[in-house]
Amino acid sequence: QLQFVESGGGRVRTGGSLKLSCAASGFTLNRYAIAWFRQAPGKELEGVSCIETDGYTYYRDSSVRRRFTISRDNAKNTVTLLISSVTPEDTAVYYCAATARCLYYVSDPRGEHKFWGRGTQVTVSS
């Protein structure tokens, strides 16, 4: 089965940090751009960050850019998302998915991405 397996979520206090990992299962991810998404309770799925095959990175806004770092290790077939200075607004299920280019991870998160995993829950307490 071709999918990502996300891990690293958990409960963290405001101001803390987390390292989320996304491992490709059944395929090699070096051909794809990889995006991270999140879905908070009662809210729509939103794109958070994306990394191209050449390592170029994108973040959805300045707040995410200041606190999130996306990286990829093709040798390990994984993509990582470091989140620092977490706030309760970061509480969500985090997913990763593959795409050809980082063009639609914000505007069309479901339409242009594939190999979705089950996600990893991040809960931030104040």
C-alpha atoms as a PDB file:
ATOM      1  CA  GLN A   1       0.000   0.000   0.000  1.00  0.00           C
ATOM      2  CA  LEU A   2       1.375   3.341  -1.045  1.00  0.00           C
ATOM      3  CA  GLN A   3       1.035   5.844   1.743  1.00  0.00           C
ATOM      4  CA  PHE A   4       2.831   7.992   4.255  1.00  0.00           C
ATOM      5  CA  VAL A   5       3.148   7.102   7.907  1.00  0.00           C
ATOM      6  CA  GLU A   6       3.177  10.159  10.129  1.00  0.00           C
ATOM      7  CA  SER A   7       4.583  10.118  13.650  1.00  0.00           C
ATOM      8  CA  GLY A   8       5.903  12.365  16.398  1.00  0.00           C
ATOM      9  CA  GLY A   9       2.696  13.958  17.552  1.00  0.00           C
ATOM     10  CA  GLY A  10       1.614  14.191  21.148  1.00  0.00           C
ATOM     11  CA  ARG A  11       0.688  16.578  23.885  1.00  0.00           C
ATOM     12  CA  VAL A  12       2.895  19.604  24.418  1.00  0.00           C
ATOM     13  CA  ARG A  13       2.640  22.789  26.411  1.00  0.00           C
ATOM     14  CA  THR A  14       2.448  26.221  24.851  1.00  0.00           C
ATOM     15  CA  GLY A  15       5.896  27.385  23.899  1.00  0.00           C
ATOM     16  CA  GLY A  16       7.262  23.881  23.485  1.00  0.00           C
ATOM     17  CA  SER A  17       8.543  22.106  20.385  1.00  0.00           C
ATOM     18  CA  LEU A  18       7.732  19.020  18.367  1.00  0.00           C
ATOM     19  CA  LYS A  19       9.371  17.037  15.623  1.00  0.00           C
ATOM     20  CA  LEU A  20       6.945  15.367  13.223  1.00  0.00           C
ATOM     21  CA  SER A  21       8.122  12.722  10.792  1.00  0.00           C
ATOM     22  CA  CYS A  22       6.582  11.455   7.612  1.00  0.00           C
ATOM     23  CA  ALA A  23       7.870   8.153   6.261  1.00  0.00           C
ATOM     24  CA  ALA A  24       7.039   6.916   2.774  1.00  0.00           C
ATOM     25  CA  SER A  25       5.739   3.373   2.651  1.00  0.00           C
ATOM     26  CA  GLY A  26       5.773   1.387  -0.568  1.00  0.00           C
ATOM     27  CA  PHE A  27       7.409   4.060  -2.723  1.00  0.00           C
ATOM     28  CA  THR A  28      10.387   6.398  -2.821  1.00  0.00           C
ATOM     29  CA  LEU A  29       9.630  10.024  -2.219  1.00  0.00           C
ATOM     30  CA  ASN A  30      12.569  11.571  -4.051  1.00  0.00           C
ATOM     31  CA  ARG A  31      10.420  12.073  -7.166  1.00  0.00           C
ATOM     32  CA  TYR A  32       7.835  14.132  -5.340  1.00  0.00           C
ATOM     33  CA  ALA A  33       7.325  17.410  -3.619  1.00  0.00           C
ATOM     34  CA  ILE A  34       6.007  16.701  -0.131  1.00  0.00           C
ATOM     35  CA  ALA A  35       3.562  18.854   1.768  1.00  0.00           C
ATOM     36  CA  TRP A  36       2.409  18.939   5.362  1.00  0.00           C
ATOM     37  CA  PHE A  37      -1.201  19.651   6.174  1.00  0.00           C
ATOM     38  CA  ARG A  38      -3.241  19.956   9.322  1.00  0.00           C
ATOM     39  CA  GLN A  39      -6.851  19.796  10.299  1.00  0.00           C
ATOM     40  CA  ALA A  40      -7.988  21.349  13.528  1.00  0.00           C
ATOM     41  CA  PRO A  41     -11.242  20.284  15.185  1.00  0.00           C
ATOM     42  CA  GLY A  42     -14.175  21.691  13.272  1.00  0.00           C
ATOM     43  CA  LYS A  43     -11.985  23.306  10.631  1.00  0.00           C
ATOM     44  CA  GLU A  44     -11.017  22.604   7.067  1.00  0.00           C
ATOM     45  CA  LEU A  45      -7.836  20.871   6.061  1.00  0.00           C
ATOM     46  CA  GLU A  46      -5.100  23.452   5.439  1.00  0.00           C
ATOM     47  CA  GLY A  47      -1.693  23.297   3.851  1.00  0.00           C
ATOM     48  CA  VAL A  48       1.120  24.249   6.202  1.00  0.00           C
ATOM     49  CA  SER A  49       4.401  23.789   4.376  1.00  0.00           C
ATOM     50  CA  CYS A  50       5.850  22.132   1.304  1.00  0.00           C
ATOM     51  CA  ILE A  51       9.285  21.070   0.077  1.00  0.00           C
ATOM     52  CA  GLU A  52      10.220  20.612  -3.553  1.00  0.00           C
ATOM     53  CA  THR A  53      12.373  17.784  -4.897  1.00  0.00           C
ATOM     54  CA  ASP A  54      15.343  20.155  -4.946  1.00  0.00           C
ATOM     55  CA  GLY A  55      14.807  21.120  -1.312  1.00  0.00           C
ATOM     56  CA  TYR A  56      13.199  24.507  -1.881  1.00  0.00           C
ATOM     57  CA  THR A  57      10.704  25.194   0.885  1.00  0.00           C
ATOM     58  CA  TYR A  58       7.413  27.030   1.215  1.00  0.00           C
ATOM     59  CA  TYR A  59       5.364  28.069   4.254  1.00  0.00           C
ATOM     60  CA  ARG A  60       1.761  29.190   4.258  1.00  0.00           C
ATOM     61  CA  ASP A  61       2.360  32.487   6.090  1.00  0.00           C
ATOM     62  CA  SER A  62       4.886  34.450   8.107  1.00  0.00           C
ATOM     63  CA  SER A  63       3.838  32.966  11.430  1.00  0.00           C
ATOM     64  CA  VAL A  64       4.406  29.426  10.162  1.00  0.00           C
ATOM     65  CA  ARG A  65       7.660  30.459   8.525  1.00  0.00           C
ATOM     66  CA  ARG A  66       8.990  31.771  11.828  1.00  0.00           C
ATOM     67  CA  ARG A  67       8.173  28.616  13.764  1.00  0.00           C
ATOM     68  CA  PHE A  68       8.098  25.657  11.342  1.00  0.00           C
ATOM     69  CA  THR A  69      10.969  24.020   9.502  1.00  0.00           C
ATOM     70  CA  ILE A  70      10.401  21.417   6.821  1.00  0.00           C
ATOM     71  CA  SER A  71      13.207  19.197   5.576  1.00  0.00           C
ATOM     72  CA  ARG A  72      13.648  15.989   3.642  1.00  0.00           C
ATOM     73  CA  ASP A  73      16.045  13.071   3.770  1.00  0.00           C
ATOM     74  CA  ASN A  74      15.674  11.114   0.568  1.00  0.00           C
ATOM     75  CA  ALA A  75      18.130   8.465   1.752  1.00  0.00           C
ATOM     76  CA  LYS A  76      15.835   7.730   4.702  1.00  0.00           C
ATOM     77  CA  ASN A  77      12.686   8.254   2.631  1.00  0.00           C
ATOM     78  CA  THR A  78      11.347  10.700   5.184  1.00  0.00           C
ATOM     79  CA  VAL A  79      10.243  14.302   5.534  1.00  0.00           C
ATOM     80  CA  THR A  80      10.376  16.124   8.851  1.00  0.00           C
ATOM     81  CA  LEU A  81       8.472  19.087  10.230  1.00  0.00           C
ATOM     82  CA  LEU A  82       9.940  20.852  13.242  1.00  0.00           C
ATOM     83  CA  ILE A  83       7.510  23.060  15.123  1.00  0.00           C
ATOM     84  CA  SER A  84       8.736  25.469  17.750  1.00  0.00           C
ATOM     85  CA  SER A  85       6.970  27.930  20.052  1.00  0.00           C
ATOM     86  CA  VAL A  86       3.726  26.007  19.691  1.00  0.00           C
ATOM     87  CA  THR A  87       0.416  27.641  20.542  1.00  0.00           C
ATOM     88  CA  PRO A  88      -3.026  26.124  21.143  1.00  0.00           C
ATOM     89  CA  GLU A  89      -3.862  27.142  17.562  1.00  0.00           C
ATOM     90  CA  ASP A  90      -1.395  24.485  16.389  1.00  0.00           C
ATOM     91  CA  THR A  91      -3.622  21.762  17.827  1.00  0.00           C
ATOM     92  CA  ALA A  92      -4.629  19.561  14.895  1.00  0.00           C
ATOM     93  CA  VAL A  93      -4.078  16.276  13.154  1.00  0.00           C
ATOM     94  CA  TYR A  94      -1.044  16.660  10.912  1.00  0.00           C
ATOM     95  CA  TYR A  95      -0.753  14.831   7.599  1.00  0.00           C
ATOM     96  CA  CYS A  96       1.706  14.687   4.764  1.00  0.00           C
ATOM     97  CA  ALA A  97       1.086  13.953   1.115  1.00  0.00           C
ATOM     98  CA  ALA A  98       2.944  13.924  -2.171  1.00  0.00           C
ATOM     99  CA  THR A  99       2.530  16.090  -5.230  1.00  0.00           C
ATOM    100  CA  ALA A 100       4.400  16.986  -8.380  1.00  0.00           C
ATOM    101  CA  ARG A 101       5.149  20.597  -7.413  1.00  0.00           C
ATOM    102  CA  CYS A 102       4.356  22.807  -4.439  1.00  0.00           C
ATOM    103  CA  LEU A 103       1.769  24.800  -6.346  1.00  0.00           C
ATOM    104  CA  TYR A 104      -1.503  23.820  -4.722  1.00  0.00           C
ATOM    105  CA  TYR A 105      -0.754  22.796  -1.163  1.00  0.00           C
ATOM    106  CA  VAL A 106      -2.588  25.874   0.140  1.00  0.00           C
ATOM    107  CA  SER A 107      -5.256  26.409  -2.509  1.00  0.00           C
ATOM    108  CA  ASP A 108      -6.239  22.790  -3.197  1.00  0.00           C
ATOM    109  CA  PRO A 109      -4.964  20.507  -0.458  1.00  0.00           C
ATOM    110  CA  ARG A 110      -7.054  17.487  -1.345  1.00  0.00           C
ATOM    111  CA  GLY A 111      -7.177  17.768  -5.087  1.00  0.00           C
ATOM    112  CA  GLU A 112      -3.540  17.563  -6.124  1.00  0.00           C
ATOM    113  CA  HIS A 113      -1.967  15.398  -3.426  1.00  0.00           C
ATOM    114  CA  LYS A 114      -1.735  11.680  -2.835  1.00  0.00           C
ATOM    115  CA  PHE A 115      -0.453   8.881  -0.589  1.00  0.00           C
ATOM    116  CA  TRP A 116      -2.232  10.300   2.438  1.00  0.00           C
ATOM    117  CA  GLY A 117      -1.518   8.638   5.757  1.00  0.00           C
ATOM    118  CA  ARG A 118      -3.614   8.548   8.922  1.00  0.00           C
ATOM    119  CA  GLY A 119      -1.974  11.583  10.424  1.00  0.00           C
ATOM    120  CA  THR A 120      -0.497  12.309  13.813  1.00  0.00           C
ATOM    121  CA  GLN A 121      -2.330  14.218  16.524  1.00  0.00           C
ATOM    122  CA  VAL A 122      -0.750  17.319  18.035  1.00  0.00           C
ATOM    123  CA  THR A 123      -2.392  18.755  21.126  1.00  0.00           C
ATOM    124  CA  VAL A 124      -1.101  21.975  22.639  1.00  0.00           C
ATOM    125  CA  SER A 125      -2.181  22.868  26.149  1.00  0.00           C
ATOM    126  CA  SER A 126      -1.904  26.273  27.709  1.00  0.00           C
END
